[in-house]
């Protein structure tokens, strides 16, 4: 029988008040998702790769990005939150939705 992997939505800070901060947040988020994938037990959804969409489709709005991420969160088995998320309005909304759907939340260190 084939192993069923848990789908884990990785939440955390994306935006920042400058481009360097934003790029660092993207780097941190992608690195954590890769580490989780390498561990082999969980399949992470990595919202920090969304920026790639902008290179290929100029018509997406911020609402499109929010819908995309939230749809994946809603089918995830768990939500894991990276450190330093507290100032992220997106992460706050994701946690609120996870609680509404009774999706377990784990705060990473």
C-alpha atoms as a PDB file:
ATOM      1  CA  UNK A   1       0.000   0.000   0.000  1.00  0.00           C
ATOM      2  CA  UNK A   2       1.296   3.453  -0.907  1.00  0.00           C
ATOM      3  CA  UNK A   3       2.132   5.828   1.953  1.00  0.00           C
ATOM      4  CA  UNK A   4      -0.191   8.826   2.360  1.00  0.00           C
ATOM      5  CA  UNK A   5       1.752  11.987   3.123  1.00  0.00           C
ATOM      6  CA  UNK A   6       0.369  14.816   5.244  1.00  0.00           C
ATOM      7  CA  UNK A   7      -0.125  18.101   3.405  1.00  0.00           C
ATOM      8  CA  UNK A   8       1.303  20.929   5.455  1.00  0.00           C
ATOM      9  CA  UNK A   9       0.659  24.590   4.695  1.00  0.00           C
ATOM     10  CA  UNK A  10       3.708  26.634   5.706  1.00  0.00           C
ATOM     11  CA  UNK A  11       2.704  30.121   6.853  1.00  0.00           C
ATOM     12  CA  UNK A  12       4.903  33.062   7.655  1.00  0.00           C
ATOM     13  CA  UNK A  13       5.981  36.548   6.804  1.00  0.00           C
ATOM     14  CA  UNK A  14       6.295  37.369   3.094  1.00  0.00           C
ATOM     15  CA  UNK A  15       6.142  41.153   2.698  1.00  0.00           C
ATOM     16  CA  UNK A  16       8.401  43.661   4.388  1.00  0.00           C
ATOM     17  CA  UNK A  17       8.965  47.395   4.331  1.00  0.00           C
ATOM     18  CA  UNK A  18      11.764  47.080   1.740  1.00  0.00           C
ATOM     19  CA  UNK A  19      12.773  44.756  -1.082  1.00  0.00           C
ATOM     20  CA  UNK A  20      15.739  43.256   0.793  1.00  0.00           C
ATOM     21  CA  UNK A  21      13.485  42.272   3.681  1.00  0.00           C
ATOM     22  CA  UNK A  22      10.944  40.770   1.299  1.00  0.00           C
ATOM     23  CA  UNK A  23      13.630  38.783  -0.542  1.00  0.00           C
ATOM     24  CA  UNK A  24      15.009  37.516   2.768  1.00  0.00           C
ATOM     25  CA  UNK A  25      11.518  36.392   3.812  1.00  0.00           C
ATOM     26  CA  UNK A  26      11.144  34.529   0.506  1.00  0.00           C
ATOM     27  CA  UNK A  27      14.544  32.873   1.007  1.00  0.00           C
ATOM     28  CA  UNK A  28      13.697  31.807   4.574  1.00  0.00           C
ATOM     29  CA  UNK A  29      10.274  30.455   3.580  1.00  0.00           C
ATOM     30  CA  UNK A  30      11.515  28.469   0.579  1.00  0.00           C
ATOM     31  CA  UNK A  31      14.476  27.087   2.556  1.00  0.00           C
ATOM     32  CA  UNK A  32      12.194  25.835   5.343  1.00  0.00           C
ATOM     33  CA  UNK A  33       9.861  24.222   2.819  1.00  0.00           C
ATOM     34  CA  UNK A  34      12.774  22.466   1.114  1.00  0.00           C
ATOM     35  CA  UNK A  35      14.047  21.242   4.489  1.00  0.00           C
ATOM     36  CA  UNK A  36      10.599  19.861   5.342  1.00  0.00           C
ATOM     37  CA  UNK A  37      10.352  18.154   1.952  1.00  0.00           C
ATOM     38  CA  UNK A  38      13.789  16.573   2.442  1.00  0.00           C
ATOM     39  CA  UNK A  39      12.722  15.159   5.796  1.00  0.00           C
ATOM     40  CA  UNK A  40      10.332  12.960   3.815  1.00  0.00           C
ATOM     41  CA  UNK A  41       7.351  12.794   6.168  1.00  0.00           C
ATOM     42  CA  UNK A  42       5.341  15.819   5.030  1.00  0.00           C
ATOM     43  CA  UNK A  43       4.531  17.581   1.759  1.00  0.00           C
ATOM     44  CA  UNK A  44       4.698  21.346   2.282  1.00  0.00           C
ATOM     45  CA  UNK A  45       2.792  24.004   0.373  1.00  0.00           C
ATOM     46  CA  UNK A  46       5.230  26.892  -0.117  1.00  0.00           C
ATOM     47  CA  UNK A  47       3.499  30.271  -0.663  1.00  0.00           C
ATOM     48  CA  UNK A  48       6.863  31.994  -1.164  1.00  0.00           C
ATOM     49  CA  UNK A  49       7.125  30.596  -4.692  1.00  0.00           C
ATOM     50  CA  UNK A  50       4.061  32.623  -5.825  1.00  0.00           C
ATOM     51  CA  UNK A  51       6.324  35.454  -6.955  1.00  0.00           C
ATOM     52  CA  UNK A  52       7.160  33.330 -10.003  1.00  0.00           C
ATOM     53  CA  UNK A  53       3.589  33.764 -11.285  1.00  0.00           C
ATOM     54  CA  UNK A  54       4.282  37.445 -11.812  1.00  0.00           C
ATOM     55  CA  UNK A  55       6.924  36.648 -14.438  1.00  0.00           C
ATOM     56  CA  UNK A  56       4.415  34.825 -16.634  1.00  0.00           C
ATOM     57  CA  UNK A  57       1.040  36.484 -16.076  1.00  0.00           C
ATOM     58  CA  UNK A  58       0.693  40.229 -15.693  1.00  0.00           C
ATOM     59  CA  UNK A  59      -3.033  40.158 -14.917  1.00  0.00           C
ATOM     60  CA  UNK A  60      -2.986  38.648 -11.426  1.00  0.00           C
ATOM     61  CA  UNK A  61      -4.162  40.772  -8.520  1.00  0.00           C
ATOM     62  CA  UNK A  62      -3.237  40.548  -4.859  1.00  0.00           C
ATOM     63  CA  UNK A  63      -6.684  39.010  -4.296  1.00  0.00           C
ATOM     64  CA  UNK A  64      -5.782  36.238  -6.788  1.00  0.00           C
ATOM     65  CA  UNK A  65      -2.700  35.430  -4.727  1.00  0.00           C
ATOM     66  CA  UNK A  66      -4.728  35.406  -1.505  1.00  0.00           C
ATOM     67  CA  UNK A  67      -7.363  33.097  -3.036  1.00  0.00           C
ATOM     68  CA  UNK A  68      -4.660  30.762  -4.348  1.00  0.00           C
ATOM     69  CA  UNK A  69      -2.926  30.424  -0.986  1.00  0.00           C
ATOM     70  CA  UNK A  70      -6.139  30.169   1.018  1.00  0.00           C
ATOM     71  CA  UNK A  71      -7.499  27.412  -1.228  1.00  0.00           C
ATOM     72  CA  UNK A  72      -4.388  25.339  -0.486  1.00  0.00           C
ATOM     73  CA  UNK A  73      -4.597  26.093   3.215  1.00  0.00           C
ATOM     74  CA  UNK A  74      -8.203  24.876   3.286  1.00  0.00           C
ATOM     75  CA  UNK A  75      -7.216  21.403   2.013  1.00  0.00           C
ATOM     76  CA  UNK A  76      -4.117  21.082   4.185  1.00  0.00           C
ATOM     77  CA  UNK A  77      -3.896  18.618   7.048  1.00  0.00           C
ATOM     78  CA  UNK A  78      -1.942  21.039   9.221  1.00  0.00           C
ATOM     79  CA  UNK A  79      -0.669  24.622   9.227  1.00  0.00           C
ATOM     80  CA  UNK A  80       2.890  25.232  10.373  1.00  0.00           C
ATOM     81  CA  UNK A  81       3.924  28.790  11.201  1.00  0.00           C
ATOM     82  CA  UNK A  82       7.458  30.115  10.862  1.00  0.00           C
ATOM     83  CA  UNK A  83       8.937  32.440  13.516  1.00  0.00           C
ATOM     84  CA  UNK A  84       8.485  36.223  13.226  1.00  0.00           C
ATOM     85  CA  UNK A  85       5.013  35.981  11.718  1.00  0.00           C
ATOM     86  CA  UNK A  86       3.297  38.355  14.142  1.00  0.00           C
ATOM     87  CA  UNK A  87       3.395  41.451  11.901  1.00  0.00           C
ATOM     88  CA  UNK A  88       2.136  39.549   8.844  1.00  0.00           C
ATOM     89  CA  UNK A  89      -1.498  40.354   8.057  1.00  0.00           C
ATOM     90  CA  UNK A  90      -1.574  37.436   5.613  1.00  0.00           C
ATOM     91  CA  UNK A  91      -0.419  34.966   8.263  1.00  0.00           C
ATOM     92  CA  UNK A  92      -2.957  36.383  10.721  1.00  0.00           C
ATOM     93  CA  UNK A  93      -5.735  35.757   8.168  1.00  0.00           C
ATOM     94  CA  UNK A  94      -4.411  32.251   7.480  1.00  0.00           C
ATOM     95  CA  UNK A  95      -4.404  31.381  11.173  1.00  0.00           C
ATOM     96  CA  UNK A  96      -7.934  32.719  11.567  1.00  0.00           C
ATOM     97  CA  UNK A  97      -9.123  30.537   8.669  1.00  0.00           C
ATOM     98  CA  UNK A  98      -7.281  27.466   9.956  1.00  0.00           C
ATOM     99  CA  UNK A  99      -8.983  27.902  13.338  1.00  0.00           C
ATOM    100  CA  UNK A 100     -12.392  28.245  11.651  1.00  0.00           C
ATOM    101  CA  UNK A 101     -11.770  24.943   9.854  1.00  0.00           C
ATOM    102  CA  UNK A 102     -10.247  23.233  12.913  1.00  0.00           C
ATOM    103  CA  UNK A 103      -6.983  22.626  11.079  1.00  0.00           C
ATOM    104  CA  UNK A 104      -4.210  21.956  13.601  1.00  0.00           C
ATOM    105  CA  UNK A 105      -1.634  24.757  13.911  1.00  0.00           C
ATOM    106  CA  UNK A 106       1.996  24.215  14.884  1.00  0.00           C
ATOM    107  CA  UNK A 107       4.359  27.097  15.625  1.00  0.00           C
ATOM    108  CA  UNK A 108       7.900  26.305  14.496  1.00  0.00           C
ATOM    109  CA  UNK A 109      11.077  27.545  16.170  1.00  0.00           C
END
